[in-house]
Structure formats: C-alpha cells, structure tokens
Amino acid sequence: MTVVVGYLAGKDGVSALHLGIEMARSLRTSLTISTVVPRPWLTPSPARIDAEYAHWAQQLALDSHREATRDLPPLAEGLDIHFHTVQHRSVSGGLVRAVEELNADALVLGSAAGNRRGQVVIGSTADRLLHSCPVPLAISSRGFRGCESGCLSRVTVGYPGTPEAVPFVQRVAALTDKLDVPMRVVTFAVRGRTMYPPEAGLHAEDSILAEWADLARNTLARLRVDGIVGEAVELQVVTGNGWGQALAAVEWLDGEILALGTTPRPTLSTVFLGSRGTKIVRHSPVPVLVLPS
C-alpha cells in the first residue's frame, strides 16, 4: 500500500508533495511519486522519430523525479519514498493505472493554476479523475505547505444531511480511526442569491434559514444517536450568505482536510460532485479529499 502523488516537471506540484507526505505519514505507509509520460508509437518510424520520442519521454520522467527530489521538504526525511513512471495516452488514465498497479491507498494532486493562493482549483485531470479514480482523491490548495507535524490534524466531513450520505460518514469515520485523527461533521446552511422573491423580505429569508439550521442540527444529532459517529466527534451547523462566507466562518486547524463524497450518476458527463460539492471545493481554504461512491 502507498500514497501516490501525481507529479510532472515544470508544473506546480510542490503543494501536492506536501499533502502527500502528510497523508503517507498519517496512514503510516510509503509515498510514491508517479509521472505519466506519453506512450510511444507502436509501429517503428523510418525517420527514427519514434526513438527520439521515446528518449524525450524518458527524459521527462527523469526530470520529474529529479525535480520532485529537489522539492521534497525536510519533513519527508525518514519517509519511504519511491518513484514510478507509467506510459499512457492521457494523464488521468495513466494515474488510474498507477493507482491500480501500486495498490494505492489514495491519489494526491495539486490544484490547477488559479488567481488566489490557498484556493482549491480543479483542473482537467482532476475533473476526469473525479469520475474514474477508484481510491480517495486528495487535491491540495494552491501554495499548500503542510503543517509542522507533517501529519493530518483533523478530517472535517461535509455532510449534506441526506440519508444517502450516511454511509459516506461511516466510511470517513473508519478512515479517521485508521489515521488516528479527530473527526468533525459539518452541515452548511447557505442562503442563495435569490432564495425567495424580493417582496418576501430578508426577515422571511432569515426565518427560513434558521429553520433549516435547526433541522440540520437535528439531523446531525441523529448520527450520534444511531451510532454512526462517536461522542468525541464534533457536530456543527454553519450558516452564511453564500458559500464563501459559510466556508470562511468555519475554524480550520493547521493540517486539516475537508472530506466530500460523491454519488453515482447515470452518465459520466454529469458533474460527479454535484453543484453543492463543487461550490464547497471552490471556496474551501483547506485541501479536499473526495471519496468515490
């Protein structure tokens, strides 16, 4: 078992390395830095283009491993680290193959380019892997550098309060037991831009939002009553005038990660996280961990 970090020379993968180290230490396993290189042509070229192409792909892997070694922080010292190269026509397909070949516990990626430091940005590769990754997928925030301990400090579960999400909470509870870290369950009650017609007034919106929050607290309490979570698990309802305000209202620990679940969809073209999950990821100030359904 190992934690796999997708890494390519020239890309901003340092934050993924830091998150991968935290996860590997917390899981008490090794770290494997995997680079996907293009698959060479199957038929030889008379102009030896295929040989040059293969040499370029090999050099790309070597450069990635060399750069990753340079970027490893001091907290990686003592960790069992391996390098892995896989040939594939797509980065997402290659990383899925790496996860399967290495029997990985989790896959870690860095955020795509974005405007704001600390923001989780899902790029094209991560978007495809949300539909196909067979293991938990962790995505670091931009500029993430981990915490002093080098381990995860807590896992917060984004719980929508639906019966379908209860098994997901159970899975995260089992994961936190394995990680030996505290767990927190948070439900977000967010006022939308056009929650109700203007003639209803803000007072009506506040009343409805308060009712939603009370209902969410009762739903969270059922998790403890039904034995889904233990007494030590913190349960919290957070309200806000939008997702940005709601996520900012949560107190986050250094080294914390936000866990979200996915639901089966009839077609791959459907956003796997759903609109709610996508908004949470967009405004999350900490790395996210997405568990496949």
C-alpha atoms as a PDB file:
ATOM      1  CA  MET A   1       0.000   0.000   0.000  1.00  0.00           C
ATOM      2  CA  THR A   2       1.184   3.516  -0.715  1.00  0.00           C
ATOM      3  CA  VAL A   3       0.060   7.109  -1.287  1.00  0.00           C
ATOM      4  CA  VAL A   4       0.562   8.133  -4.911  1.00  0.00           C
ATOM      5  CA  VAL A   5       1.324  11.742  -5.865  1.00  0.00           C
ATOM      6  CA  GLY A   6       0.891  12.749  -9.496  1.00  0.00           C
ATOM      7  CA  TYR A   7       3.894  14.887 -10.425  1.00  0.00           C
ATOM      8  CA  LEU A   8       5.264  16.355 -13.659  1.00  0.00           C
ATOM      9  CA  ALA A   9       8.342  18.533 -14.132  1.00  0.00           C
ATOM     10  CA  GLY A  10       7.546  22.173 -14.821  1.00  0.00           C
ATOM     11  CA  LYS A  11       4.134  22.032 -13.154  1.00  0.00           C
ATOM     12  CA  ASP A  12       3.240  23.416  -9.717  1.00  0.00           C
ATOM     13  CA  GLY A  13       3.321  20.101  -7.902  1.00  0.00           C
ATOM     14  CA  VAL A  14       5.080  21.164  -4.707  1.00  0.00           C
ATOM     15  CA  SER A  15       1.813  21.558  -2.798  1.00  0.00           C
ATOM     16  CA  ALA A  16       0.798  18.029  -3.817  1.00  0.00           C
ATOM     17  CA  LEU A  17       4.087  16.692  -2.446  1.00  0.00           C
ATOM     18  CA  HIS A  18       3.445  18.358   0.922  1.00  0.00           C
ATOM     19  CA  LEU A  19      -0.084  16.946   1.122  1.00  0.00           C
ATOM     20  CA  GLY A  20       1.129  13.521   0.003  1.00  0.00           C
ATOM     21  CA  ILE A  21       3.720  13.498   2.783  1.00  0.00           C
ATOM     22  CA  GLU A  22       1.063  14.345   5.390  1.00  0.00           C
ATOM     23  CA  MET A  23      -1.220  11.592   4.156  1.00  0.00           C
ATOM     24  CA  ALA A  24       1.555   8.988   3.911  1.00  0.00           C
ATOM     25  CA  ARG A  25       2.759   9.750   7.447  1.00  0.00           C
ATOM     26  CA  SER A  26      -0.783   9.693   8.824  1.00  0.00           C
ATOM     27  CA  LEU A  27      -1.507   6.366   7.109  1.00  0.00           C
ATOM     28  CA  ARG A  28       1.911   5.053   8.164  1.00  0.00           C
ATOM     29  CA  THR A  29       2.730   3.972   4.636  1.00  0.00           C
ATOM     30  CA  SER A  30       5.115   4.884   1.805  1.00  0.00           C
ATOM     31  CA  LEU A  31       4.966   7.734  -0.707  1.00  0.00           C
ATOM     32  CA  THR A  32       5.189   7.069  -4.436  1.00  0.00           C
ATOM     33  CA  ILE A  33       5.784   9.951  -6.851  1.00  0.00           C
ATOM     34  CA  SER A  34       4.278   8.949 -10.171  1.00  0.00           C
ATOM     35  CA  THR A  35       4.854  10.634 -13.534  1.00  0.00           C
ATOM     36  CA  VAL A  36       2.734   9.905 -16.600  1.00  0.00           C
ATOM     37  CA  VAL A  37       4.621  10.127 -19.905  1.00  0.00           C
ATOM     38  CA  PRO A  38       3.151   9.807 -23.416  1.00  0.00           C
ATOM     39  CA  ARG A  39       3.020   6.320 -24.839  1.00  0.00           C
ATOM     40  CA  PRO A  40       5.350   5.927 -27.856  1.00  0.00           C
ATOM     41  CA  TRP A  41       4.120   4.848 -31.265  1.00  0.00           C
ATOM     42  CA  LEU A  42       3.626   1.111 -31.650  1.00  0.00           C
ATOM     43  CA  THR A  43       4.979   0.975 -35.213  1.00  0.00           C
ATOM     44  CA  PRO A  44       8.635   1.951 -35.885  1.00  0.00           C
ATOM     45  CA  SER A  45       9.204   5.139 -37.867  1.00  0.00           C
ATOM     46  CA  PRO A  46      11.691   5.065 -40.772  1.00  0.00           C
ATOM     47  CA  ALA A  47      12.877   8.524 -39.698  1.00  0.00           C
ATOM     48  CA  ARG A  48      13.625   7.303 -36.169  1.00  0.00           C
ATOM     49  CA  ILE A  49      11.056   9.740 -34.814  1.00  0.00           C
ATOM     50  CA  ASP A  50       9.767   7.016 -32.525  1.00  0.00           C
ATOM     51  CA  ALA A  51      13.207   6.576 -30.909  1.00  0.00           C
ATOM     52  CA  GLU A  52      13.543  10.324 -30.365  1.00  0.00           C
ATOM     53  CA  TYR A  53      10.035  10.449 -28.937  1.00  0.00           C
ATOM     54  CA  ALA A  54      10.786   7.589 -26.539  1.00  0.00           C
ATOM     55  CA  HIS A  55      14.008   9.314 -25.448  1.00  0.00           C
ATOM     56  CA  TRP A  56      12.122  12.559 -24.814  1.00  0.00           C
ATOM     57  CA  ALA A  57       9.504  10.714 -22.718  1.00  0.00           C
ATOM     58  CA  GLN A  58      12.242   9.003 -20.716  1.00  0.00           C
ATOM     59  CA  GLN A  59      13.983  12.333 -20.118  1.00  0.00           C
ATOM     60  CA  LEU A  60      10.689  13.877 -18.990  1.00  0.00           C
ATOM     61  CA  ALA A  61      10.330  11.160 -16.352  1.00  0.00           C
ATOM     62  CA  LEU A  62      13.921  11.639 -15.188  1.00  0.00           C
ATOM     63  CA  ASP A  63      13.475  15.422 -14.975  1.00  0.00           C
ATOM     64  CA  SER A  64      10.261  14.961 -12.962  1.00  0.00           C
ATOM     65  CA  HIS A  65      11.920  12.610 -10.489  1.00  0.00           C
ATOM     66  CA  ARG A  66      14.922  14.933 -10.149  1.00  0.00           C
ATOM     67  CA  GLU A  67      12.703  17.993  -9.625  1.00  0.00           C
ATOM     68  CA  ALA A  68      10.491  16.178  -7.127  1.00  0.00           C
ATOM     69  CA  THR A  69      13.558  15.115  -5.151  1.00  0.00           C
ATOM     70  CA  ARG A  70      14.705  18.736  -5.063  1.00  0.00           C
ATOM     71  CA  ASP A  71      11.277  19.966  -3.927  1.00  0.00           C
ATOM     72  CA  LEU A  72      10.800  17.437  -1.127  1.00  0.00           C
ATOM     73  CA  PRO A  73      10.656  19.330   2.188  1.00  0.00           C
ATOM     74  CA  PRO A  74      12.662  18.347   5.291  1.00  0.00           C
ATOM     75  CA  LEU A  75       9.506  16.728   6.707  1.00  0.00           C
ATOM     76  CA  ALA A  76       9.918  13.976   4.109  1.00  0.00           C
ATOM     77  CA  GLU A  77      13.059  12.769   5.874  1.00  0.00           C
ATOM     78  CA  GLY A  78      12.692   9.191   7.052  1.00  0.00           C
ATOM     79  CA  LEU A  79       9.685   8.533   4.822  1.00  0.00           C
ATOM     80  CA  ASP A  80       9.866   5.563   2.447  1.00  0.00           C
ATOM     81  CA  ILE A  81       9.777   7.293  -0.979  1.00  0.00           C
ATOM     82  CA  HIS A  82       9.621   5.645  -4.412  1.00  0.00           C
ATOM     83  CA  PHE A  83       9.481   6.949  -7.982  1.00  0.00           C
ATOM     84  CA  HIS A  84       7.217   5.484 -10.626  1.00  0.00           C
ATOM     85  CA  THR A  85       6.693   6.097 -14.336  1.00  0.00           C
ATOM     86  CA  VAL A  86       3.713   4.975 -16.402  1.00  0.00           C
ATOM     87  CA  GLN A  87       3.119   5.337 -20.139  1.00  0.00           C
ATOM     88  CA  HIS A  88      -0.381   6.298 -21.184  1.00  0.00           C
ATOM     89  CA  ARG A  89      -2.236   8.389 -23.730  1.00  0.00           C
ATOM     90  CA  SER A  90      -3.794  10.563 -21.010  1.00  0.00           C
ATOM     91  CA  VAL A  91      -2.577  11.776 -17.627  1.00  0.00           C
ATOM     92  CA  SER A  92      -5.788  10.764 -15.863  1.00  0.00           C
ATOM     93  CA  GLY A  93      -5.742   7.283 -17.405  1.00  0.00           C
ATOM     94  CA  GLY A  94      -2.082   6.859 -16.505  1.00  0.00           C
ATOM     95  CA  LEU A  95      -2.680   7.827 -12.872  1.00  0.00           C
ATOM     96  CA  VAL A  96      -5.561   5.368 -12.597  1.00  0.00           C
ATOM     97  CA  ARG A  97      -3.242   2.677 -13.912  1.00  0.00           C
ATOM     98  CA  ALA A  98      -0.564   3.722 -11.396  1.00  0.00           C
ATOM     99  CA  VAL A  99      -3.073   3.526  -8.541  1.00  0.00           C
ATOM    100  CA  GLU A 100      -4.097   0.032  -9.633  1.00  0.00           C
ATOM    101  CA  GLU A 101      -0.540  -1.224 -10.241  1.00  0.00           C
ATOM    102  CA  LEU A 102       0.705   0.081  -6.884  1.00  0.00           C
ATOM    103  CA  ASN A 103      -2.391  -0.910  -4.877  1.00  0.00           C
ATOM    104  CA  ALA A 104      -2.547   2.661  -3.608  1.00  0.00           C
ATOM    105  CA  ASP A 105      -4.406   3.903  -0.544  1.00  0.00           C
ATOM    106  CA  ALA A 106      -5.015   7.327  -2.105  1.00  0.00           C
ATOM    107  CA  LEU A 107      -4.074   9.595  -5.003  1.00  0.00           C
ATOM    108  CA  VAL A 108      -2.903  13.182  -4.453  1.00  0.00           C
ATOM    109  CA  LEU A 109      -2.911  16.006  -6.994  1.00  0.00           C
ATOM    110  CA  GLY A 110      -2.069  19.688  -6.868  1.00  0.00           C
ATOM    111  CA  SER A 111      -4.513  22.445  -7.762  1.00  0.00           C
ATOM    112  CA  ALA A 112      -4.626  23.833 -11.269  1.00  0.00           C
ATOM    113  CA  ALA A 113      -3.460  27.384 -11.920  1.00  0.00           C
ATOM    114  CA  GLY A 114      -5.663  29.968 -10.234  1.00  0.00           C
ATOM    115  CA  ASN A 115      -5.751  33.564  -9.115  1.00  0.00           C
ATOM    116  CA  ARG A 116      -5.858  33.131  -5.353  1.00  0.00           C
ATOM    117  CA  ARG A 117      -3.367  31.429  -3.072  1.00  0.00           C
ATOM    118  CA  GLY A 118      -4.995  28.927  -0.736  1.00  0.00           C
ATOM    119  CA  GLN A 119      -7.752  28.103  -3.225  1.00  0.00           C
ATOM    120  CA  VAL A 120      -8.551  24.582  -4.408  1.00  0.00           C
ATOM    121  CA  VAL A 121      -8.808  24.625  -8.201  1.00  0.00           C
ATOM    122  CA  ILE A 122      -9.932  21.502 -10.041  1.00  0.00           C
ATOM    123  CA  GLY A 123      -8.131  21.207 -13.378  1.00  0.00           C
ATOM    124  CA  SER A 124      -8.998  18.977 -16.324  1.00  0.00           C
ATOM    125  CA  THR A 125      -7.028  15.993 -14.979  1.00  0.00           C
ATOM    126  CA  ALA A 126      -8.620  16.169 -11.523  1.00  0.00           C
ATOM    127  CA  ASP A 127     -12.053  16.623 -13.102  1.00  0.00           C
ATOM    128  CA  ARG A 128     -11.648  13.404 -15.097  1.00  0.00           C
ATOM    129  CA  LEU A 129     -10.328  11.545 -12.057  1.00  0.00           C
ATOM    130  CA  LEU A 130     -13.380  12.562 -10.025  1.00  0.00           C
ATOM    131  CA  HIS A 131     -15.282  10.247 -12.382  1.00  0.00           C
ATOM    132  CA  SER A 132     -12.783   7.410 -12.592  1.00  0.00           C
ATOM    133  CA  CYS A 133     -10.395   7.256  -9.614  1.00  0.00           C
ATOM    134  CA  PRO A 134     -11.023   4.006  -7.684  1.00  0.00           C
ATOM    135  CA  VAL A 135      -9.425   5.333  -4.464  1.00  0.00           C
ATOM    136  CA  PRO A 136      -9.837   8.550  -2.426  1.00  0.00           C
ATOM    137  CA  LEU A 137      -8.601  11.563  -4.383  1.00  0.00           C
ATOM    138  CA  ALA A 138      -6.954  14.410  -2.446  1.00  0.00           C
ATOM    139  CA  ILE A 139      -6.429  17.832  -4.053  1.00  0.00           C
ATOM    140  CA  SER A 140      -4.153  20.340  -2.361  1.00  0.00           C
ATOM    141  CA  SER A 141      -4.868  24.045  -2.243  1.00  0.00           C
ATOM    142  CA  ARG A 142      -2.569  26.400  -4.146  1.00  0.00           C
ATOM    143  CA  GLY A 143       0.566  27.169  -2.160  1.00  0.00           C
ATOM    144  CA  PHE A 144      -0.164  24.479   0.434  1.00  0.00           C
ATOM    145  CA  ARG A 145       2.917  23.689   2.515  1.00  0.00           C
ATOM    146  CA  GLY A 146       1.510  21.427   5.214  1.00  0.00           C
ATOM    147  CA  CYS A 147       1.883  21.787   8.974  1.00  0.00           C
ATOM    148  CA  GLU A 148       4.813  21.479  11.333  1.00  0.00           C
ATOM    149  CA  SER A 149       3.929  17.969  12.476  1.00  0.00           C
ATOM    150  CA  GLY A 150       3.952  16.624   8.922  1.00  0.00           C
ATOM    151  CA  CYS A 151       0.680  14.747   9.585  1.00  0.00           C
ATOM    152  CA  LEU A 152      -3.012  15.442   9.153  1.00  0.00           C
ATOM    153  CA  SER A 153      -4.527  17.099  12.213  1.00  0.00           C
ATOM    154  CA  ARG A 154      -8.269  16.527  11.626  1.00  0.00           C
ATOM    155  CA  VAL A 155     -10.754  15.421   8.988  1.00  0.00           C
ATOM    156  CA  THR A 156     -13.887  17.531   8.545  1.00  0.00           C
ATOM    157  CA  VAL A 157     -16.797  15.898   6.736  1.00  0.00           C
ATOM    158  CA  GLY A 158     -19.070  17.999   4.558  1.00  0.00           C
ATOM    159  CA  TYR A 159     -22.406  16.297   5.306  1.00  0.00           C
ATOM    160  CA  PRO A 160     -25.493  17.346   3.289  1.00  0.00           C
ATOM    161  CA  GLY A 161     -27.871  15.741   5.782  1.00  0.00           C
ATOM    162  CA  THR A 162     -29.421  13.245   3.359  1.00  0.00           C
ATOM    163  CA  PRO A 163     -29.925   9.537   4.131  1.00  0.00           C
ATOM    164  CA  GLU A 164     -27.821   8.637   1.086  1.00  0.00           C
ATOM    165  CA  ALA A 165     -24.811  10.374   2.654  1.00  0.00           C
ATOM    166  CA  VAL A 166     -24.834   8.374   5.904  1.00  0.00           C
ATOM    167  CA  PRO A 167     -22.662   5.530   4.500  1.00  0.00           C
ATOM    168  CA  PHE A 168     -20.156   8.169   3.432  1.00  0.00           C
ATOM    169  CA  VAL A 169     -19.933   9.475   7.001  1.00  0.00           C
ATOM    170  CA  GLN A 170     -19.369   5.900   8.177  1.00  0.00           C
ATOM    171  CA  ARG A 171     -16.525   5.477   5.676  1.00  0.00           C
ATOM    172  CA  VAL A 172     -14.841   8.672   6.833  1.00  0.00           C
ATOM    173  CA  ALA A 173     -15.247   7.581  10.454  1.00  0.00           C
ATOM    174  CA  ALA A 174     -13.416   4.344   9.620  1.00  0.00           C
ATOM    175  CA  LEU A 175     -10.746   6.350   7.793  1.00  0.00           C
ATOM    176  CA  THR A 176     -10.159   8.685  10.731  1.00  0.00           C
ATOM    177  CA  ASP A 177      -9.784   5.651  13.004  1.00  0.00           C
ATOM    178  CA  LYS A 178      -7.105   4.369  10.633  1.00  0.00           C
ATOM    179  CA  LEU A 179      -5.440   7.800  10.525  1.00  0.00           C
ATOM    180  CA  ASP A 180      -5.812   8.200  14.293  1.00  0.00           C
ATOM    181  CA  VAL A 181      -7.011  11.813  13.901  1.00  0.00           C
ATOM    182  CA  PRO A 182     -10.143  13.608  15.185  1.00  0.00           C
ATOM    183  CA  MET A 183     -13.242  13.854  13.037  1.00  0.00           C
ATOM    184  CA  ARG A 184     -15.752  16.683  12.670  1.00  0.00           C
ATOM    185  CA  VAL A 185     -19.045  16.684  10.754  1.00  0.00           C
ATOM    186  CA  VAL A 186     -20.270  19.995   9.336  1.00  0.00           C
ATOM    187  CA  THR A 187     -23.521  20.791   7.542  1.00  0.00           C
ATOM    188  CA  PHE A 188     -23.721  24.053   5.599  1.00  0.00           C
ATOM    189  CA  ALA A 189     -26.972  26.039   5.509  1.00  0.00           C
ATOM    190  CA  VAL A 190     -26.441  28.703   2.870  1.00  0.00           C
ATOM    191  CA  ARG A 191     -28.714  31.487   1.693  1.00  0.00           C
ATOM    192  CA  GLY A 192     -28.740  31.680  -2.095  1.00  0.00           C
ATOM    193  CA  ARG A 193     -28.690  34.837  -4.171  1.00  0.00           C
ATOM    194  CA  THR A 194     -32.394  34.609  -4.950  1.00  0.00           C
ATOM    195  CA  MET A 195     -33.654  32.470  -2.121  1.00  0.00           C
ATOM    196  CA  TYR A 196     -37.108  33.992  -2.188  1.00  0.00           C
ATOM    197  CA  PRO A 197     -38.875  36.759  -4.170  1.00  0.00           C
ATOM    198  CA  PRO A 198     -37.893  40.296  -3.059  1.00  0.00           C
ATOM    199  CA  GLU A 199     -41.403  41.022  -1.777  1.00  0.00           C
ATOM    200  CA  ALA A 200     -40.965  38.293   0.867  1.00  0.00           C
ATOM    201  CA  GLY A 201     -38.264  40.362   2.576  1.00  0.00           C
ATOM    202  CA  LEU A 202     -35.000  39.494   4.270  1.00  0.00           C
ATOM    203  CA  HIS A 203     -36.793  38.721   7.522  1.00  0.00           C
ATOM    204  CA  ALA A 204     -38.576  35.802   5.856  1.00  0.00           C
ATOM    205  CA  GLU A 205     -35.275  34.538   4.458  1.00  0.00           C
ATOM    206  CA  ASP A 206     -33.641  34.736   7.893  1.00  0.00           C
ATOM    207  CA  SER A 207     -36.522  32.773   9.421  1.00  0.00           C
ATOM    208  CA  ILE A 208     -36.329  30.035   6.772  1.00  0.00           C
ATOM    209  CA  LEU A 209     -32.547  29.840   7.107  1.00  0.00           C
ATOM    210  CA  ALA A 210     -32.883  29.494  10.890  1.00  0.00           C
ATOM    211  CA  GLU A 211     -35.403  26.674  10.414  1.00  0.00           C
ATOM    212  CA  TRP A 212     -33.005  24.942   8.011  1.00  0.00           C
ATOM    213  CA  ALA A 213     -30.231  25.257  10.590  1.00  0.00           C
ATOM    214  CA  ASP A 214     -32.432  23.748  13.332  1.00  0.00           C
ATOM    215  CA  LEU A 215     -33.388  20.868  11.049  1.00  0.00           C
ATOM    216  CA  ALA A 216     -29.712  20.309  10.189  1.00  0.00           C
ATOM    217  CA  ARG A 217     -28.799  20.175  13.908  1.00  0.00           C
ATOM    218  CA  ASN A 218     -31.450  17.524  14.493  1.00  0.00           C
ATOM    219  CA  THR A 219     -30.191  15.545  11.508  1.00  0.00           C
ATOM    220  CA  LEU A 220     -26.618  15.747  12.795  1.00  0.00           C
ATOM    221  CA  ALA A 221     -27.737  14.653  16.251  1.00  0.00           C
ATOM    222  CA  ARG A 222     -29.266  11.513  14.714  1.00  0.00           C
ATOM    223  CA  LEU A 223     -25.791  10.477  13.554  1.00  0.00           C
ATOM    224  CA  ARG A 224     -24.724  10.185  17.187  1.00  0.00           C
ATOM    225  CA  VAL A 225     -27.999   8.647  18.385  1.00  0.00           C
ATOM    226  CA  ASP A 226     -27.811   5.983  15.652  1.00  0.00           C
ATOM    227  CA  GLY A 227     -24.201   5.183  16.472  1.00  0.00           C
ATOM    228  CA  ILE A 228     -22.837   6.446  13.140  1.00  0.00           C
ATOM    229  CA  VAL A 229     -20.335   8.685  14.959  1.00  0.00           C
ATOM    230  CA  GLY A 230     -18.982   8.580  18.496  1.00  0.00           C
ATOM    231  CA  GLU A 231     -19.300  11.027  21.347  1.00  0.00           C
ATOM    232  CA  ALA A 232     -15.906  12.586  20.578  1.00  0.00           C
ATOM    233  CA  VAL A 233     -16.960  13.677  17.077  1.00  0.00           C
ATOM    234  CA  GLU A 234     -17.797  17.373  16.835  1.00  0.00           C
ATOM    235  CA  LEU A 235     -21.087  18.200  15.082  1.00  0.00           C
ATOM    236  CA  GLN A 236     -21.555  21.682  13.649  1.00  0.00           C
ATOM    237  CA  VAL A 237     -24.014  23.622  11.504  1.00  0.00           C
ATOM    238  CA  VAL A 238     -22.605  26.657   9.684  1.00  0.00           C
ATOM    239  CA  THR A 239     -24.757  29.317   8.022  1.00  0.00           C
ATOM    240  CA  GLY A 240     -23.770  32.041   5.601  1.00  0.00           C
ATOM    241  CA  ASN A 241     -24.910  34.424   2.891  1.00  0.00           C
ATOM    242  CA  GLY A 242     -23.202  32.356   0.229  1.00  0.00           C
ATOM    243  CA  TRP A 243     -20.672  29.528   0.150  1.00  0.00           C
ATOM    244  CA  GLY A 244     -17.658  31.785   0.530  1.00  0.00           C
ATOM    245  CA  GLN A 245     -18.973  33.275   3.758  1.00  0.00           C
ATOM    246  CA  ALA A 246     -20.028  29.888   5.104  1.00  0.00           C
ATOM    247  CA  LEU A 247     -16.636  28.239   4.494  1.00  0.00           C
ATOM    248  CA  ALA A 248     -14.850  31.285   5.926  1.00  0.00           C
ATOM    249  CA  ALA A 249     -16.966  31.065   9.097  1.00  0.00           C
ATOM    250  CA  VAL A 250     -15.559  27.622   9.921  1.00  0.00           C
ATOM    251  CA  GLU A 251     -12.499  27.444  12.171  1.00  0.00           C
ATOM    252  CA  TRP A 252      -9.852  25.319  10.452  1.00  0.00           C
ATOM    253  CA  LEU A 253      -6.848  23.663  12.051  1.00  0.00           C
ATOM    254  CA  ASP A 254      -3.404  23.706  10.526  1.00  0.00           C
ATOM    255  CA  GLY A 255      -3.108  20.372   8.703  1.00  0.00           C
ATOM    256  CA  GLU A 256      -6.870  19.831   8.346  1.00  0.00           C
ATOM    257  CA  ILE A 257      -8.534  18.285   5.293  1.00  0.00           C
ATOM    258  CA  LEU A 258     -12.151  18.526   4.121  1.00  0.00           C
ATOM    259  CA  ALA A 259     -13.754  15.230   3.049  1.00  0.00           C
ATOM    260  CA  LEU A 260     -16.554  15.157   0.488  1.00  0.00           C
ATOM    261  CA  GLY A 261     -18.475  12.273  -1.001  1.00  0.00           C
ATOM    262  CA  THR A 262     -19.702  11.560  -4.497  1.00  0.00           C
ATOM    263  CA  THR A 263     -22.905   9.988  -5.694  1.00  0.00           C
ATOM    264  CA  PRO A 264     -23.433   7.632  -8.654  1.00  0.00           C
ATOM    265  CA  ARG A 265     -24.534   9.386 -11.815  1.00  0.00           C
ATOM    266  CA  PRO A 266     -26.198   7.882 -14.902  1.00  0.00           C
ATOM    267  CA  THR A 267     -23.705   9.471 -17.285  1.00  0.00           C
ATOM    268  CA  LEU A 268     -20.071  10.487 -16.992  1.00  0.00           C
ATOM    269  CA  SER A 269     -20.897  13.901 -18.407  1.00  0.00           C
ATOM    270  CA  THR A 270     -22.707  14.766 -15.185  1.00  0.00           C
ATOM    271  CA  VAL A 271     -20.576  16.617 -12.632  1.00  0.00           C
ATOM    272  CA  PHE A 272     -19.652  13.882 -10.158  1.00  0.00           C
ATOM    273  CA  LEU A 273     -19.549  16.102  -7.079  1.00  0.00           C
ATOM    274  CA  GLY A 274     -22.785  17.837  -7.890  1.00  0.00           C
ATOM    275  CA  SER A 275     -23.304  21.600  -7.786  1.00  0.00           C
ATOM    276  CA  ARG A 276     -23.211  21.753  -3.980  1.00  0.00           C
ATOM    277  CA  GLY A 277     -19.946  19.824  -3.698  1.00  0.00           C
ATOM    278  CA  THR A 278     -18.348  21.831  -6.485  1.00  0.00           C
ATOM    279  CA  LYS A 279     -19.168  25.104  -4.709  1.00  0.00           C
ATOM    280  CA  ILE A 280     -17.735  23.799  -1.440  1.00  0.00           C
ATOM    281  CA  VAL A 281     -14.490  22.794  -3.180  1.00  0.00           C
ATOM    282  CA  ARG A 282     -14.238  26.179  -4.883  1.00  0.00           C
ATOM    283  CA  HIS A 283     -14.375  28.035  -1.566  1.00  0.00           C
ATOM    284  CA  SER A 284     -12.518  25.552   0.644  1.00  0.00           C
ATOM    285  CA  PRO A 285      -9.487  27.123   2.375  1.00  0.00           C
ATOM    286  CA  VAL A 286      -8.012  23.664   3.073  1.00  0.00           C
ATOM    287  CA  PRO A 287      -7.185  20.659   0.857  1.00  0.00           C
ATOM    288  CA  VAL A 288     -10.123  18.422  -0.057  1.00  0.00           C
ATOM    289  CA  LEU A 289     -10.423  14.646  -0.017  1.00  0.00           C
ATOM    290  CA  VAL A 290     -13.063  13.195  -2.346  1.00  0.00           C
ATOM    291  CA  LEU A 291     -14.168   9.631  -1.674  1.00  0.00           C
ATOM    292  CA  PRO A 292     -15.578   7.655  -4.599  1.00  0.00           C
ATOM    293  CA  SER A 293     -19.113   6.330  -4.259  1.00  0.00           C
END
